[in-house]
Amino acid sequence: MTISREHELEHEHEAHAYWVTETGDGELRSETIAKPQEGEALVRTLYSGVSRGTERVVHEGRVPERVADLMQAPHQEGDFPGPVKYGYLNVGIVEEGPEEWRGKTVFTLHPHQDFYVIPTSQLTAIPEEVPAKRAVLTGIVEVAINALWEAGPRLGDRVAVVGGGLVGGVLATLLRKYPLGRLQLVDADPEKRKLAATINVDFAEPENAKSDNDIVFHCSASNAGLKLSLQLAGDDSDVIELSWFADKEVTLPLGEDFHARRLNIRSSQVGAVALPRRHRRTNAERLEQAAIELKDPFFDTFLTSECLFRNLPTTLTKLFERPGGFCHVVAYPQPED
């Protein structure tokens, strides 16, 4: 039996996705996606976000083989070091699927791709008060929320965030709402003082940072930052580690503050809900909370550059060559374009 092209199109859709090649370059590849089945939705992407630290590690082929399976993105295709379709900050519109989802703006943990089909159970509805572009930060805010659930800040606590990059900045933005006794954003780059001023948080360079903290969140992904975090932590207190060091070797002076002052270093890894909330919150509920937090316009501070989807391969090469900036936004062509 011959199937007409018109009938075939009802069941398929052409899509384009960004892939990292074996050589660490990037390219757009076309693919055909099937019509969504029951419990699935077809999403047309509006924006995706580039998480510079993690995606740079992927581009450079530096994902450690030992944890390659654990570090796979939820809808990744291919294997590390490449070719691989990677990414996890995607905001789009539901074009086909269950009636209750059609036309909704949603966040998903999907790679950079203009159209895709995904189970509706993996959609996070974005509140109407949250602009679609800002919503690409949902996955980053989720990381920060997990760390807060891990640490459990209390009334009057003294808290330091070491590392004023995207994760550290977003975390500090959430922490400023807490009734803390003290909050400092600590970074060796004096330019991060501007970020601290924008989000109304005290800033300090390492030599001027205040010690005796109840909680220190480490987000710098550097030896020096982790060493400083131990120095800033008060006796018997916690350092919450949010950095992903990938294949970097980390050396710590455990003969100094760590043992003498009975400090704790605790990992906050977003793959699982933090243990203090794991029995009462799901990953989906954590993402929903992140989307709600993005009603705060202060988060626009972290959208610092933008490119068109068709230019993503050349843009990312340049982006990873120079430091600075927070979240890079990728804009996708829309029907009226």
C-alpha atoms as a PDB file:
ATOM      1  CA  MET A   1       0.000   0.000   0.000  1.00  0.00           C
ATOM      2  CA  THR A   2       1.320   3.452  -0.904  1.00  0.00           C
ATOM      3  CA  ILE A   3       1.042   6.192   1.739  1.00  0.00           C
ATOM      4  CA  SER A   4       0.605   9.711   0.387  1.00  0.00           C
ATOM      5  CA  ARG A   5       3.016  12.455   1.451  1.00  0.00           C
ATOM      6  CA  GLU A   6       0.079  14.408   2.929  1.00  0.00           C
ATOM      7  CA  HIS A   7      -0.838  11.459   5.179  1.00  0.00           C
ATOM      8  CA  GLU A   8       2.808  10.926   6.166  1.00  0.00           C
ATOM      9  CA  LEU A   9       3.163  14.551   7.314  1.00  0.00           C
ATOM     10  CA  GLU A  10       0.263  14.085   9.707  1.00  0.00           C
ATOM     11  CA  HIS A  11       2.397  11.566  11.558  1.00  0.00           C
ATOM     12  CA  GLU A  12       5.839  13.152  11.302  1.00  0.00           C
ATOM     13  CA  HIS A  13       7.474  16.523  11.856  1.00  0.00           C
ATOM     14  CA  GLU A  14      10.869  17.751  10.743  1.00  0.00           C
ATOM     15  CA  ALA A  15      13.025  19.099  13.551  1.00  0.00           C
ATOM     16  CA  HIS A  16      16.538  20.491  13.959  1.00  0.00           C
ATOM     17  CA  ALA A  17      18.779  19.880  16.950  1.00  0.00           C
ATOM     18  CA  TYR A  18      22.202  21.015  18.121  1.00  0.00           C
ATOM     19  CA  TRP A  19      24.871  18.300  18.419  1.00  0.00           C
ATOM     20  CA  VAL A  20      28.379  18.369  19.842  1.00  0.00           C
ATOM     21  CA  THR A  21      30.691  16.448  17.493  1.00  0.00           C
ATOM     22  CA  GLU A  22      33.618  14.186  18.357  1.00  0.00           C
ATOM     23  CA  THR A  23      36.009  17.100  17.798  1.00  0.00           C
ATOM     24  CA  GLY A  24      34.197  19.416  20.230  1.00  0.00           C
ATOM     25  CA  ASP A  25      32.616  21.490  17.466  1.00  0.00           C
ATOM     26  CA  GLY A  26      28.884  21.930  17.090  1.00  0.00           C
ATOM     27  CA  GLU A  27      26.416  21.477  14.255  1.00  0.00           C
ATOM     28  CA  LEU A  28      22.685  21.518  13.578  1.00  0.00           C
ATOM     29  CA  ARG A  29      21.257  18.196  12.465  1.00  0.00           C
ATOM     30  CA  SER A  30      17.802  17.528  11.051  1.00  0.00           C
ATOM     31  CA  GLU A  31      15.638  14.679  12.275  1.00  0.00           C
ATOM     32  CA  THR A  32      12.101  13.435  11.879  1.00  0.00           C
ATOM     33  CA  ILE A  33       9.910  13.220  14.965  1.00  0.00           C
ATOM     34  CA  ALA A  34       6.729  11.204  15.195  1.00  0.00           C
ATOM     35  CA  LYS A  35       3.307  12.634  15.930  1.00  0.00           C
ATOM     36  CA  PRO A  36       2.679  12.672  19.699  1.00  0.00           C
ATOM     37  CA  GLN A  37       0.844   9.665  21.092  1.00  0.00           C
ATOM     38  CA  GLU A  38      -1.455   9.527  24.115  1.00  0.00           C
ATOM     39  CA  GLY A  39       0.189  11.215  27.103  1.00  0.00           C
ATOM     40  CA  GLU A  40       2.688  13.080  24.895  1.00  0.00           C
ATOM     41  CA  ALA A  41       2.978  16.634  23.588  1.00  0.00           C
ATOM     42  CA  LEU A  42       4.623  18.306  20.599  1.00  0.00           C
ATOM     43  CA  VAL A  43       6.533  21.367  21.815  1.00  0.00           C
ATOM     44  CA  ARG A  44       7.721  24.256  19.638  1.00  0.00           C
ATOM     45  CA  THR A  45      10.741  25.835  21.306  1.00  0.00           C
ATOM     46  CA  LEU A  46      10.753  29.559  22.063  1.00  0.00           C
ATOM     47  CA  TYR A  47      14.077  29.781  23.908  1.00  0.00           C
ATOM     48  CA  SER A  48      16.743  27.513  25.269  1.00  0.00           C
ATOM     49  CA  GLY A  49      19.533  28.392  27.671  1.00  0.00           C
ATOM     50  CA  VAL A  50      23.223  27.511  27.702  1.00  0.00           C
ATOM     51  CA  SER A  51      24.578  26.463  31.085  1.00  0.00           C
ATOM     52  CA  ARG A  52      28.137  27.599  30.395  1.00  0.00           C
ATOM     53  CA  GLY A  53      30.031  25.536  32.943  1.00  0.00           C
ATOM     54  CA  THR A  54      28.438  22.148  32.257  1.00  0.00           C
ATOM     55  CA  GLU A  55      28.076  22.574  28.499  1.00  0.00           C
ATOM     56  CA  ARG A  56      31.674  23.727  28.177  1.00  0.00           C
ATOM     57  CA  VAL A  57      32.798  20.510  29.885  1.00  0.00           C
ATOM     58  CA  VAL A  58      30.707  18.537  27.368  1.00  0.00           C
ATOM     59  CA  HIS A  59      32.130  20.501  24.418  1.00  0.00           C
ATOM     60  CA  GLU A  60      35.672  19.898  25.589  1.00  0.00           C
ATOM     61  CA  GLY A  61      35.063  16.156  26.028  1.00  0.00           C
ATOM     62  CA  ARG A  62      35.883  16.355  29.748  1.00  0.00           C
ATOM     63  CA  VAL A  63      33.018  14.327  31.219  1.00  0.00           C
ATOM     64  CA  PRO A  64      34.764  11.657  33.347  1.00  0.00           C
ATOM     65  CA  GLU A  65      34.106   8.155  32.017  1.00  0.00           C
ATOM     66  CA  ARG A  66      33.417   6.946  35.553  1.00  0.00           C
ATOM     67  CA  VAL A  67      30.297   9.158  35.878  1.00  0.00           C
ATOM     68  CA  ALA A  68      29.325   9.482  32.201  1.00  0.00           C
ATOM     69  CA  ASP A  69      26.045   7.604  32.729  1.00  0.00           C
ATOM     70  CA  LEU A  70      25.133   9.721  35.768  1.00  0.00           C
ATOM     71  CA  MET A  71      25.867  12.978  33.920  1.00  0.00           C
ATOM     72  CA  GLN A  72      23.595  12.283  30.962  1.00  0.00           C
ATOM     73  CA  ALA A  73      20.932  14.930  30.411  1.00  0.00           C
ATOM     74  CA  PRO A  74      17.332  13.590  30.626  1.00  0.00           C
ATOM     75  CA  HIS A  75      16.747  13.650  26.837  1.00  0.00           C
ATOM     76  CA  GLN A  76      20.314  13.363  25.655  1.00  0.00           C
ATOM     77  CA  GLU A  77      21.083  11.350  22.523  1.00  0.00           C
ATOM     78  CA  GLY A  78      24.513   9.916  21.822  1.00  0.00           C
ATOM     79  CA  ASP A  79      27.275   9.230  24.307  1.00  0.00           C
ATOM     80  CA  PHE A  80      30.146  11.244  25.764  1.00  0.00           C
ATOM     81  CA  PRO A  81      32.517  12.460  24.458  1.00  0.00           C
ATOM     82  CA  GLY A  82      30.425  12.699  21.270  1.00  0.00           C
ATOM     83  CA  PRO A  83      28.666  13.043  19.030  1.00  0.00           C
ATOM     84  CA  VAL A  84      26.020  13.973  21.569  1.00  0.00           C
ATOM     85  CA  LYS A  85      22.806  16.023  21.659  1.00  0.00           C
ATOM     86  CA  TYR A  86      23.004  17.831  24.981  1.00  0.00           C
ATOM     87  CA  GLY A  87      21.285  20.610  26.940  1.00  0.00           C
ATOM     88  CA  TYR A  88      18.610  20.923  29.615  1.00  0.00           C
ATOM     89  CA  LEU A  89      17.148  24.443  29.657  1.00  0.00           C
ATOM     90  CA  ASN A  90      14.258  24.604  27.183  1.00  0.00           C
ATOM     91  CA  VAL A  91      11.094  26.729  27.087  1.00  0.00           C
ATOM     92  CA  GLY A  92       8.430  26.277  24.448  1.00  0.00           C
ATOM     93  CA  ILE A  93       4.750  26.221  23.508  1.00  0.00           C
ATOM     94  CA  VAL A  94       2.692  23.021  23.420  1.00  0.00           C
ATOM     95  CA  GLU A  95       1.339  22.777  19.856  1.00  0.00           C
ATOM     96  CA  GLU A  96      -0.190  19.298  19.981  1.00  0.00           C
ATOM     97  CA  GLY A  97      -1.206  17.052  22.818  1.00  0.00           C
ATOM     98  CA  PRO A  98      -3.863  16.819  25.553  1.00  0.00           C
ATOM     99  CA  GLU A  99      -6.277  19.747  25.504  1.00  0.00           C
ATOM    100  CA  GLU A 100      -5.299  20.920  29.007  1.00  0.00           C
ATOM    101  CA  TRP A 101      -1.711  21.478  27.789  1.00  0.00           C
ATOM    102  CA  ARG A 102      -2.264  22.992  24.331  1.00  0.00           C
ATOM    103  CA  GLY A 103      -1.059  26.575  24.023  1.00  0.00           C
ATOM    104  CA  LYS A 104       0.700  26.520  27.398  1.00  0.00           C
ATOM    105  CA  THR A 105       4.234  27.816  27.878  1.00  0.00           C
ATOM    106  CA  VAL A 106       6.307  25.039  29.399  1.00  0.00           C
ATOM    107  CA  PHE A 107       9.810  24.338  30.669  1.00  0.00           C
ATOM    108  CA  THR A 108      11.480  20.997  29.940  1.00  0.00           C
ATOM    109  CA  LEU A 109      14.895  19.459  30.489  1.00  0.00           C
ATOM    110  CA  HIS A 110      15.373  19.029  26.731  1.00  0.00           C
ATOM    111  CA  PRO A 111      18.431  19.760  24.557  1.00  0.00           C
ATOM    112  CA  HIS A 112      18.627  22.640  22.049  1.00  0.00           C
ATOM    113  CA  GLN A 113      16.002  21.652  19.442  1.00  0.00           C
ATOM    114  CA  ASP A 114      13.268  23.569  17.625  1.00  0.00           C
ATOM    115  CA  PHE A 115      10.504  20.907  17.826  1.00  0.00           C
ATOM    116  CA  TYR A 116      10.289  17.779  19.974  1.00  0.00           C
ATOM    117  CA  VAL A 117       7.841  15.271  21.423  1.00  0.00           C
ATOM    118  CA  ILE A 118       7.921  14.635  25.158  1.00  0.00           C
ATOM    119  CA  PRO A 119       5.683  12.955  27.786  1.00  0.00           C
ATOM    120  CA  THR A 120       3.351  15.459  29.426  1.00  0.00           C
ATOM    121  CA  SER A 121       4.539  14.175  32.810  1.00  0.00           C
ATOM    122  CA  GLN A 122       7.849  15.936  32.058  1.00  0.00           C
ATOM    123  CA  LEU A 123       6.313  19.355  31.343  1.00  0.00           C
ATOM    124  CA  THR A 124       6.501  22.174  33.877  1.00  0.00           C
ATOM    125  CA  ALA A 125       3.868  24.861  33.324  1.00  0.00           C
ATOM    126  CA  ILE A 126       5.275  28.388  33.438  1.00  0.00           C
ATOM    127  CA  PRO A 127       3.143  30.928  35.366  1.00  0.00           C
ATOM    128  CA  GLU A 128       1.674  33.716  33.232  1.00  0.00           C
ATOM    129  CA  GLU A 129       3.645  36.303  35.236  1.00  0.00           C
ATOM    130  CA  VAL A 130       6.970  34.752  34.122  1.00  0.00           C
ATOM    131  CA  PRO A 131       8.280  35.829  30.677  1.00  0.00           C
ATOM    132  CA  ALA A 132       9.258  32.896  28.467  1.00  0.00           C
ATOM    133  CA  LYS A 133      12.840  34.089  28.118  1.00  0.00           C
ATOM    134  CA  ARG A 134      13.329  34.314  31.894  1.00  0.00           C
ATOM    135  CA  ALA A 135      11.841  30.833  32.248  1.00  0.00           C
ATOM    136  CA  VAL A 136      14.982  29.229  30.741  1.00  0.00           C
ATOM    137  CA  LEU A 137      16.468  29.733  34.224  1.00  0.00           C
ATOM    138  CA  THR A 138      13.996  27.250  35.741  1.00  0.00           C
ATOM    139  CA  GLY A 139      16.605  24.480  35.733  1.00  0.00           C
ATOM    140  CA  ILE A 140      19.205  26.731  37.395  1.00  0.00           C
ATOM    141  CA  VAL A 141      16.786  27.927  40.085  1.00  0.00           C
ATOM    142  CA  GLU A 142      15.985  24.253  40.686  1.00  0.00           C
ATOM    143  CA  VAL A 143      19.684  23.633  41.462  1.00  0.00           C
ATOM    144  CA  ALA A 144      19.651  26.485  43.977  1.00  0.00           C
ATOM    145  CA  ILE A 145      16.428  25.291  45.616  1.00  0.00           C
ATOM    146  CA  ASN A 146      17.910  21.828  46.059  1.00  0.00           C
ATOM    147  CA  ALA A 147      20.917  23.342  47.853  1.00  0.00           C
ATOM    148  CA  LEU A 148      18.627  25.356  50.126  1.00  0.00           C
ATOM    149  CA  TRP A 149      16.652  22.226  50.989  1.00  0.00           C
ATOM    150  CA  GLU A 150      19.952  20.469  51.682  1.00  0.00           C
ATOM    151  CA  ALA A 151      21.268  23.209  53.999  1.00  0.00           C
ATOM    152  CA  GLY A 152      18.058  24.404  55.667  1.00  0.00           C
ATOM    153  CA  PRO A 153      18.991  28.032  56.527  1.00  0.00           C
ATOM    154  CA  ARG A 154      17.506  29.206  59.831  1.00  0.00           C
ATOM    155  CA  LEU A 155      16.416  32.542  61.296  1.00  0.00           C
ATOM    156  CA  GLY A 156      19.441  34.754  61.971  1.00  0.00           C
ATOM    157  CA  ASP A 157      21.964  32.489  60.212  1.00  0.00           C
ATOM    158  CA  ARG A 158      25.240  33.864  58.886  1.00  0.00           C
ATOM    159  CA  VAL A 159      25.626  32.653  55.299  1.00  0.00           C
ATOM    160  CA  ALA A 160      28.286  33.017  52.607  1.00  0.00           C
ATOM    161  CA  VAL A 161      27.994  32.130  48.912  1.00  0.00           C
ATOM    162  CA  VAL A 162      31.463  31.592  47.451  1.00  0.00           C
ATOM    163  CA  GLY A 163      31.457  32.053  43.676  1.00  0.00           C
ATOM    164  CA  GLY A 164      29.350  34.665  41.920  1.00  0.00           C
ATOM    165  CA  GLY A 165      28.697  32.802  38.680  1.00  0.00           C
ATOM    166  CA  LEU A 166      25.255  31.796  37.414  1.00  0.00           C
ATOM    167  CA  VAL A 167      24.482  29.227  40.119  1.00  0.00           C
ATOM    168  CA  GLY A 168      25.996  31.291  42.944  1.00  0.00           C
ATOM    169  CA  GLY A 169      24.218  34.438  41.793  1.00  0.00           C
ATOM    170  CA  VAL A 170      20.846  32.710  41.486  1.00  0.00           C
ATOM    171  CA  LEU A 171      21.324  31.125  44.910  1.00  0.00           C
ATOM    172  CA  ALA A 172      22.148  34.494  46.478  1.00  0.00           C
ATOM    173  CA  THR A 173      19.039  35.980  44.818  1.00  0.00           C
ATOM    174  CA  LEU A 174      16.879  33.379  46.577  1.00  0.00           C
ATOM    175  CA  LEU A 175      18.737  33.688  49.887  1.00  0.00           C
ATOM    176  CA  ARG A 176      18.160  37.430  50.093  1.00  0.00           C
ATOM    177  CA  LYS A 177      14.487  36.652  50.889  1.00  0.00           C
ATOM    178  CA  TYR A 178      15.447  34.715  54.037  1.00  0.00           C
ATOM    179  CA  PRO A 179      15.512  36.397  57.487  1.00  0.00           C
ATOM    180  CA  LEU A 180      19.273  35.862  57.789  1.00  0.00           C
ATOM    181  CA  GLY A 181      21.605  37.555  60.193  1.00  0.00           C
ATOM    182  CA  ARG A 182      24.146  38.044  57.408  1.00  0.00           C
ATOM    183  CA  LEU A 183      24.542  37.172  53.728  1.00  0.00           C
ATOM    184  CA  GLN A 184      27.675  37.727  51.661  1.00  0.00           C
ATOM    185  CA  LEU A 185      28.447  36.943  48.042  1.00  0.00           C
ATOM    186  CA  VAL A 186      32.190  36.249  47.842  1.00  0.00           C
ATOM    187  CA  ASP A 187      34.194  36.295  44.618  1.00  0.00           C
ATOM    188  CA  ALA A 188      37.785  37.021  43.590  1.00  0.00           C
ATOM    189  CA  ASP A 189      36.501  39.038  40.609  1.00  0.00           C
ATOM    190  CA  PRO A 190      35.759  42.588  41.802  1.00  0.00           C
ATOM    191  CA  GLU A 191      33.382  42.990  38.835  1.00  0.00           C
ATOM    192  CA  LYS A 192      30.925  40.699  40.652  1.00  0.00           C
ATOM    193  CA  ARG A 193      30.338  43.613  43.023  1.00  0.00           C
ATOM    194  CA  LYS A 194      27.957  44.947  40.352  1.00  0.00           C
ATOM    195  CA  LEU A 195      25.901  41.755  40.499  1.00  0.00           C
ATOM    196  CA  ALA A 196      25.732  41.916  44.296  1.00  0.00           C
ATOM    197  CA  ALA A 197      24.571  45.535  44.152  1.00  0.00           C
ATOM    198  CA  THR A 198      21.898  44.659  41.587  1.00  0.00           C
ATOM    199  CA  ILE A 199      20.394  41.895  43.727  1.00  0.00           C
ATOM    200  CA  ASN A 200      20.891  43.853  46.988  1.00  0.00           C
ATOM    201  CA  VAL A 201      23.404  41.485  48.591  1.00  0.00           C
ATOM    202  CA  ASP A 202      26.614  42.374  50.442  1.00  0.00           C
ATOM    203  CA  PHE A 203      29.779  41.641  48.422  1.00  0.00           C
ATOM    204  CA  ALA A 204      33.271  40.738  49.561  1.00  0.00           C
ATOM    205  CA  GLU A 205      36.525  39.752  47.907  1.00  0.00           C
ATOM    206  CA  PRO A 206      38.168  36.708  49.556  1.00  0.00           C
ATOM    207  CA  GLU A 207      40.536  38.658  51.809  1.00  0.00           C
ATOM    208  CA  ASN A 208      37.643  40.710  53.225  1.00  0.00           C
ATOM    209  CA  ALA A 209      35.025  37.960  53.554  1.00  0.00           C
ATOM    210  CA  LYS A 210      33.538  37.406  57.011  1.00  0.00           C
ATOM    211  CA  SER A 211      34.147  34.079  58.730  1.00  0.00           C
ATOM    212  CA  ASP A 212      32.274  32.097  61.400  1.00  0.00           C
ATOM    213  CA  ASN A 213      29.387  31.332  59.035  1.00  0.00           C
ATOM    214  CA  ASP A 214      26.638  28.870  59.871  1.00  0.00           C
ATOM    215  CA  ILE A 215      26.440  27.760  56.218  1.00  0.00           C
ATOM    216  CA  VAL A 216      28.819  28.269  53.292  1.00  0.00           C
ATOM    217  CA  PHE A 217      27.622  27.449  49.782  1.00  0.00           C
ATOM    218  CA  HIS A 218      30.519  26.768  47.408  1.00  0.00           C
ATOM    219  CA  CYS A 219      29.824  27.486  43.717  1.00  0.00           C
ATOM    220  CA  SER A 220      33.179  28.512  42.211  1.00  0.00           C
ATOM    221  CA  ALA A 221      34.364  25.093  40.921  1.00  0.00           C
ATOM    222  CA  SER A 222      37.901  26.002  41.985  1.00  0.00           C
ATOM    223  CA  ASN A 223      40.434  24.712  44.494  1.00  0.00           C
ATOM    224  CA  ALA A 224      40.878  28.187  45.915  1.00  0.00           C
ATOM    225  CA  GLY A 225      37.130  28.636  46.366  1.00  0.00           C
ATOM    226  CA  LEU A 226      36.688  25.380  48.235  1.00  0.00           C
ATOM    227  CA  LYS A 227      39.678  26.112  50.471  1.00  0.00           C
ATOM    228  CA  LEU A 228      38.231  29.556  51.221  1.00  0.00           C
ATOM    229  CA  SER A 229      34.830  28.005  51.976  1.00  0.00           C
ATOM    230  CA  LEU A 230      36.405  25.867  54.695  1.00  0.00           C
ATOM    231  CA  GLN A 231      38.068  28.950  56.166  1.00  0.00           C
ATOM    232  CA  LEU A 232      34.798  30.900  56.220  1.00  0.00           C
ATOM    233  CA  ALA A 233      32.761  28.115  57.839  1.00  0.00           C
ATOM    234  CA  GLY A 234      32.185  28.302  61.587  1.00  0.00           C
ATOM    235  CA  ASP A 235      33.022  25.416  63.946  1.00  0.00           C
ATOM    236  CA  ASP A 236      30.866  22.312  63.364  1.00  0.00           C
ATOM    237  CA  SER A 237      29.163  23.956  60.370  1.00  0.00           C
ATOM    238  CA  ASP A 238      28.487  22.845  56.796  1.00  0.00           C
ATOM    239  CA  VAL A 239      29.988  23.640  53.416  1.00  0.00           C
ATOM    240  CA  ILE A 240      27.420  22.799  50.741  1.00  0.00           C
ATOM    241  CA  GLU A 241      29.223  21.920  47.516  1.00  0.00           C
ATOM    242  CA  LEU A 242      27.347  22.865  44.327  1.00  0.00           C
ATOM    243  CA  SER A 243      30.316  22.904  41.929  1.00  0.00           C
ATOM    244  CA  TRP A 244      30.888  20.251  39.307  1.00  0.00           C
ATOM    245  CA  PHE A 245      34.641  19.849  38.908  1.00  0.00           C
ATOM    246  CA  ALA A 246      34.339  17.302  36.056  1.00  0.00           C
ATOM    247  CA  ASP A 247      37.871  15.943  35.470  1.00  0.00           C
ATOM    248  CA  LYS A 248      39.659  18.592  37.575  1.00  0.00           C
ATOM    249  CA  GLU A 249      41.858  17.345  40.401  1.00  0.00           C
ATOM    250  CA  VAL A 250      40.967  18.960  43.733  1.00  0.00           C
ATOM    251  CA  THR A 251      43.496  19.379  46.548  1.00  0.00           C
ATOM    252  CA  LEU A 252      42.334  20.421  50.013  1.00  0.00           C
ATOM    253  CA  PRO A 253      44.363  21.389  53.098  1.00  0.00           C
ATOM    254  CA  LEU A 254      42.545  18.967  55.389  1.00  0.00           C
ATOM    255  CA  GLY A 255      45.211  19.475  58.030  1.00  0.00           C
ATOM    256  CA  GLU A 256      43.983  23.033  58.608  1.00  0.00           C
ATOM    257  CA  ASP A 257      40.333  23.960  59.259  1.00  0.00           C
ATOM    258  CA  PHE A 258      38.585  20.744  58.240  1.00  0.00           C
ATOM    259  CA  HIS A 259      39.462  18.363  61.097  1.00  0.00           C
ATOM    260  CA  ALA A 260      40.416  20.917  63.717  1.00  0.00           C
ATOM    261  CA  ARG A 261      37.017  22.639  63.558  1.00  0.00           C
ATOM    262  CA  ARG A 262      34.908  19.548  62.750  1.00  0.00           C
ATOM    263  CA  LEU A 263      33.581  20.849  59.436  1.00  0.00           C
ATOM    264  CA  ASN A 264      31.320  19.004  57.007  1.00  0.00           C
ATOM    265  CA  ILE A 265      31.374  19.104  53.199  1.00  0.00           C
ATOM    266  CA  ARG A 266      28.059  17.981  51.723  1.00  0.00           C
ATOM    267  CA  SER A 267      27.294  17.462  48.058  1.00  0.00           C
ATOM    268  CA  SER A 268      24.180  19.025  46.574  1.00  0.00           C
ATOM    269  CA  GLN A 269      23.511  17.166  43.328  1.00  0.00           C
ATOM    270  CA  VAL A 270      20.324  18.013  41.473  1.00  0.00           C
ATOM    271  CA  GLY A 271      19.738  14.504  40.074  1.00  0.00           C
ATOM    272  CA  ALA A 272      17.917  13.614  43.302  1.00  0.00           C
ATOM    273  CA  VAL A 273      15.837  15.773  45.644  1.00  0.00           C
ATOM    274  CA  ALA A 274      17.849  16.800  48.732  1.00  0.00           C
ATOM    275  CA  LEU A 275      17.462  14.173  51.460  1.00  0.00           C
ATOM    276  CA  PRO A 276      15.656  16.446  53.981  1.00  0.00           C
ATOM    277  CA  ARG A 277      12.807  16.818  51.423  1.00  0.00           C
ATOM    278  CA  ARG A 278      13.114  13.606  49.398  1.00  0.00           C
ATOM    279  CA  HIS A 279      10.164  11.838  51.019  1.00  0.00           C
ATOM    280  CA  ARG A 280       7.824  14.803  50.645  1.00  0.00           C
ATOM    281  CA  ARG A 281       8.844  16.445  47.345  1.00  0.00           C
ATOM    282  CA  THR A 282       9.319  15.070  43.839  1.00  0.00           C
ATOM    283  CA  ASN A 283      11.625  16.340  41.118  1.00  0.00           C
ATOM    284  CA  ALA A 284       8.537  17.682  39.329  1.00  0.00           C
ATOM    285  CA  GLU A 285       7.421  19.615  42.418  1.00  0.00           C
ATOM    286  CA  ARG A 286      10.910  21.064  42.784  1.00  0.00           C
ATOM    287  CA  LEU A 287      10.740  22.348  39.178  1.00  0.00           C
ATOM    288  CA  GLU A 288       7.271  23.792  39.814  1.00  0.00           C
ATOM    289  CA  GLN A 289       8.648  25.705  42.801  1.00  0.00           C
ATOM    290  CA  ALA A 290      11.516  27.000  40.654  1.00  0.00           C
ATOM    291  CA  ALA A 291       9.069  28.303  38.040  1.00  0.00           C
ATOM    292  CA  ILE A 292       7.102  30.128  40.748  1.00  0.00           C
ATOM    293  CA  GLU A 293      10.267  31.783  42.103  1.00  0.00           C
ATOM    294  CA  LEU A 294      10.962  33.208  38.640  1.00  0.00           C
ATOM    295  CA  LYS A 295       8.132  35.714  39.087  1.00  0.00           C
ATOM    296  CA  ASP A 296      10.890  37.832  40.660  1.00  0.00           C
ATOM    297  CA  PRO A 297      12.186  40.237  37.931  1.00  0.00           C
ATOM    298  CA  PHE A 298      15.633  40.283  39.585  1.00  0.00           C
ATOM    299  CA  PHE A 299      16.350  37.054  37.718  1.00  0.00           C
ATOM    300  CA  ASP A 300      16.519  38.971  34.420  1.00  0.00           C
ATOM    301  CA  THR A 301      19.976  40.017  35.647  1.00  0.00           C
ATOM    302  CA  PHE A 302      21.273  36.574  34.666  1.00  0.00           C
ATOM    303  CA  LEU A 303      20.225  36.717  30.998  1.00  0.00           C
ATOM    304  CA  THR A 304      23.343  38.350  29.617  1.00  0.00           C
ATOM    305  CA  SER A 305      23.641  37.368  25.940  1.00  0.00           C
ATOM    306  CA  GLU A 306      21.521  35.984  23.119  1.00  0.00           C
ATOM    307  CA  CYS A 307      21.830  34.449  19.671  1.00  0.00           C
ATOM    308  CA  LEU A 308      19.565  32.932  17.030  1.00  0.00           C
ATOM    309  CA  PHE A 309      19.288  29.150  16.950  1.00  0.00           C
ATOM    310  CA  ARG A 310      20.750  28.971  13.444  1.00  0.00           C
ATOM    311  CA  ASN A 311      23.897  30.706  14.731  1.00  0.00           C
ATOM    312  CA  LEU A 312      24.359  28.494  17.804  1.00  0.00           C
ATOM    313  CA  PRO A 313      27.304  26.394  16.466  1.00  0.00           C
ATOM    314  CA  THR A 314      29.519  29.410  15.755  1.00  0.00           C
ATOM    315  CA  THR A 315      28.289  31.380  18.781  1.00  0.00           C
ATOM    316  CA  LEU A 316      29.113  28.666  21.314  1.00  0.00           C
ATOM    317  CA  THR A 317      32.652  28.341  20.021  1.00  0.00           C
ATOM    318  CA  LYS A 318      33.215  32.041  20.722  1.00  0.00           C
ATOM    319  CA  LEU A 319      31.264  31.923  23.994  1.00  0.00           C
ATOM    320  CA  PHE A 320      33.451  29.218  25.514  1.00  0.00           C
ATOM    321  CA  GLU A 321      36.645  31.018  24.457  1.00  0.00           C
ATOM    322  CA  ARG A 322      35.960  34.051  26.619  1.00  0.00           C
ATOM    323  CA  PRO A 323      34.972  34.196  30.287  1.00  0.00           C
ATOM    324  CA  GLY A 324      32.229  36.340  31.768  1.00  0.00           C
ATOM    325  CA  GLY A 325      28.487  36.526  31.477  1.00  0.00           C
ATOM    326  CA  PHE A 326      25.823  34.311  32.983  1.00  0.00           C
ATOM    327  CA  CYS A 327      23.117  32.512  30.986  1.00  0.00           C
ATOM    328  CA  HIS A 328      23.293  32.659  27.193  1.00  0.00           C
ATOM    329  CA  VAL A 329      19.819  32.565  25.615  1.00  0.00           C
ATOM    330  CA  VAL A 330      19.073  30.930  22.261  1.00  0.00           C
ATOM    331  CA  ALA A 331      16.064  32.361  20.380  1.00  0.00           C
ATOM    332  CA  TYR A 332      14.168  30.143  17.930  1.00  0.00           C
ATOM    333  CA  PRO A 333      12.282  31.205  14.757  1.00  0.00           C
ATOM    334  CA  GLN A 334       8.546  31.609  15.268  1.00  0.00           C
ATOM    335  CA  PRO A 335       5.678  31.269  12.771  1.00  0.00           C
ATOM    336  CA  GLU A 336       5.532  35.016  12.128  1.00  0.00           C
ATOM    337  CA  ASP A 337       9.335  35.282  11.565  1.00  0.00           C
END
